[in-house]
Amino acid sequence: MLSLNTITKTKGRAKKNKRVGRGNASGHGTYSTRGQKGQGSRSGVSGLKRLGMRAQLLQIPKSRGFKSNKPKNQVVSIKAINSAFKDGETVTPVALFAKKLISSVSLPVKVLGKEKLTVQVKFENIKMSAGVSVQIK
């Protein structure tokens, strides 16, 4: 039965403090985990010594790789243009945004695809792959 007098502390709940300088049998005698000589072995020295520039740089976590500031192209396939546009229309970022083929007008747009372009359309302010540009010409 659970009551206040039967509640016990969980095993391994708290770690015991390291007791330093209590004889060699304790494993932390003689130098008391301070090493031998030097500033850190003396009393009254804080562990927060001023770090140099190199030490500060080494402590900062590094984010690996490279991230370009140049925006990525929004890709539109020829298949989507064939289905969304009719002959004689002009394909612009605004028209593509209106037909919900791209998510933003401000980001660059590139037309890709290996399919045939079946509609006669004009492209304005749009990048395209070499295969698409050959088809248009």
Protein backbone atom coordinates (compact mmCIF):
# COMPACT_ATOMS: atom_id res chain seq x y z
CA MET A 1 0.00 0.00 0.00
CA LEU A 2 1.26 3.47 -0.91
CA SER A 3 1.48 5.98 1.90
CA LEU A 4 3.88 8.74 2.96
CA ASN A 5 5.97 6.45 5.16
CA THR A 6 6.48 3.87 2.39
CA ILE A 7 7.69 6.27 -0.32
CA THR A 8 11.42 5.79 -0.98
CA LYS A 9 13.88 7.74 -3.10
CA THR A 10 14.62 6.26 -6.52
CA LYS A 11 17.95 4.49 -6.78
CA GLY A 12 20.45 6.65 -8.66
CA ARG A 13 18.30 9.76 -8.11
CA ALA A 14 21.17 11.98 -6.97
CA LYS A 15 24.91 11.71 -7.51
CA LYS A 16 27.06 12.10 -4.40
CA ASN A 17 29.41 15.07 -4.32
CA LYS A 18 33.08 14.41 -5.02
CA ARG A 19 34.81 14.71 -1.64
CA VAL A 20 38.28 15.99 -2.31
CA GLY A 21 41.31 16.03 -0.01
CA ARG A 22 40.19 13.24 2.32
CA GLY A 23 43.31 11.05 2.08
CA ASN A 24 44.90 8.93 -0.61
CA ALA A 25 42.56 6.01 0.04
CA SER A 26 39.65 8.10 -1.28
CA GLY A 27 41.32 8.38 -4.67
CA HIS A 28 41.27 12.18 -4.45
CA GLY A 29 44.02 12.80 -1.91
CA THR A 30 47.46 14.46 -2.23
CA TYR A 31 46.79 17.06 -4.98
CA SER A 32 43.00 16.90 -4.58
CA THR A 33 42.26 16.84 -8.34
CA ARG A 34 44.09 20.15 -8.88
CA GLY A 35 47.13 18.81 -10.67
CA GLN A 36 50.58 19.75 -9.45
CA LYS A 37 51.85 23.33 -9.61
CA GLY A 38 50.48 26.48 -11.23
CA GLN A 39 47.75 29.04 -10.77
CA GLY A 40 44.92 26.50 -10.80
CA SER A 41 46.44 24.55 -7.93
CA ARG A 42 46.46 27.58 -5.59
CA SER A 43 43.57 28.51 -3.35
CA GLY A 44 41.36 31.48 -4.15
CA VAL A 45 41.60 31.10 -7.92
CA SER A 46 38.27 31.00 -9.74
CA GLY A 47 37.85 28.47 -12.52
CA LEU A 48 36.59 31.26 -14.80
CA LYS A 49 39.89 32.58 -16.12
CA ARG A 50 39.66 34.97 -19.02
CA LEU A 51 39.61 33.12 -22.31
CA GLY A 52 41.69 34.19 -25.28
CA MET A 53 40.23 34.74 -28.73
CA ARG A 54 41.25 31.29 -29.97
CA ALA A 55 39.63 29.54 -27.01
CA GLN A 56 36.42 31.52 -27.56
CA LEU A 57 36.36 30.58 -31.25
CA LEU A 58 36.84 26.91 -30.41
CA GLN A 59 33.87 26.98 -28.02
CA ILE A 60 31.41 28.36 -30.59
CA PRO A 61 29.52 25.56 -32.40
CA LYS A 62 30.27 25.56 -36.11
CA SER A 63 27.56 25.24 -38.72
CA ARG A 64 29.04 23.20 -41.54
CA GLY A 65 28.63 23.81 -45.24
CA PHE A 66 27.60 26.88 -47.20
CA LYS A 67 24.21 28.47 -47.75
CA SER A 68 23.89 30.76 -50.74
CA ASN A 69 21.95 34.03 -50.54
CA LYS A 70 20.96 33.58 -54.18
CA PRO A 71 17.30 32.43 -54.32
CA LYS A 72 16.48 29.01 -55.73
CA ASN A 73 14.46 28.79 -58.96
CA GLN A 74 10.81 27.78 -58.83
CA VAL A 75 10.45 24.91 -61.27
CA VAL A 76 7.57 24.66 -63.74
CA SER A 77 7.29 21.70 -66.12
CA ILE A 78 6.36 21.92 -69.79
CA LYS A 79 3.53 19.50 -69.03
CA ALA A 80 2.00 22.04 -66.61
CA ILE A 81 2.31 24.85 -69.18
CA ASN A 82 0.65 22.67 -71.86
CA SER A 83 -2.33 22.04 -69.60
CA ALA A 84 -2.67 25.55 -68.10
CA PHE A 85 -2.11 27.84 -71.12
CA LYS A 86 -3.78 28.21 -74.52
CA ASP A 87 -2.28 29.26 -77.86
CA GLY A 88 -1.20 32.91 -78.10
CA GLU A 89 -1.00 33.50 -74.32
CA THR A 90 2.07 34.96 -72.62
CA VAL A 91 3.76 33.01 -69.83
CA THR A 92 4.97 35.41 -67.11
CA PRO A 93 5.61 34.91 -63.39
CA VAL A 94 2.35 36.79 -62.67
CA ALA A 95 0.35 34.49 -64.98
CA LEU A 96 1.98 31.39 -63.46
CA PHE A 97 1.16 32.66 -59.95
CA ALA A 98 -2.46 33.33 -60.94
CA LYS A 99 -2.78 29.73 -62.18
CA LYS A 100 -1.11 28.48 -58.95
CA LEU A 101 1.86 26.89 -60.71
CA ILE A 102 4.35 28.84 -58.57
CA SER A 103 4.23 30.04 -54.95
CA SER A 104 5.79 33.52 -55.31
CA VAL A 105 6.10 36.16 -58.03
CA SER A 106 9.32 37.62 -56.57
CA LEU A 107 11.41 34.42 -56.78
CA PRO A 108 12.93 33.40 -60.14
CA VAL A 109 11.09 30.88 -62.33
CA LYS A 110 12.62 28.21 -64.56
CA VAL A 111 10.86 25.99 -67.09
CA LEU A 112 12.13 22.42 -67.27
CA GLY A 113 11.02 19.24 -68.95
CA LYS A 114 11.65 16.72 -71.69
CA GLU A 115 8.08 16.71 -73.01
CA LYS A 116 7.02 18.48 -76.21
CA LEU A 117 5.60 22.00 -75.97
CA THR A 118 2.23 21.63 -77.71
CA VAL A 119 0.89 25.20 -77.24
CA GLN A 120 2.21 28.32 -78.95
CA VAL A 121 3.06 30.67 -76.05
CA LYS A 122 5.49 33.53 -75.42
CA PHE A 123 7.78 33.54 -72.39
CA GLU A 124 8.69 36.75 -70.53
CA ASN A 125 11.06 37.06 -67.51
CA ILE A 126 11.40 33.29 -67.26
CA LYS A 127 14.54 31.16 -67.36
CA MET A 128 14.47 27.87 -69.21
CA SER A 129 16.60 24.80 -69.73
CA ALA A 130 18.55 24.30 -72.95
CA GLY A 131 16.10 21.67 -74.19
CA VAL A 132 13.12 23.97 -73.74
CA SER A 133 14.84 26.92 -75.42
CA VAL A 134 15.62 24.72 -78.45
CA GLN A 135 11.94 23.73 -78.72
CA ILE A 136 10.79 27.36 -78.62
CA LYS A 137 13.22 28.44 -81.36
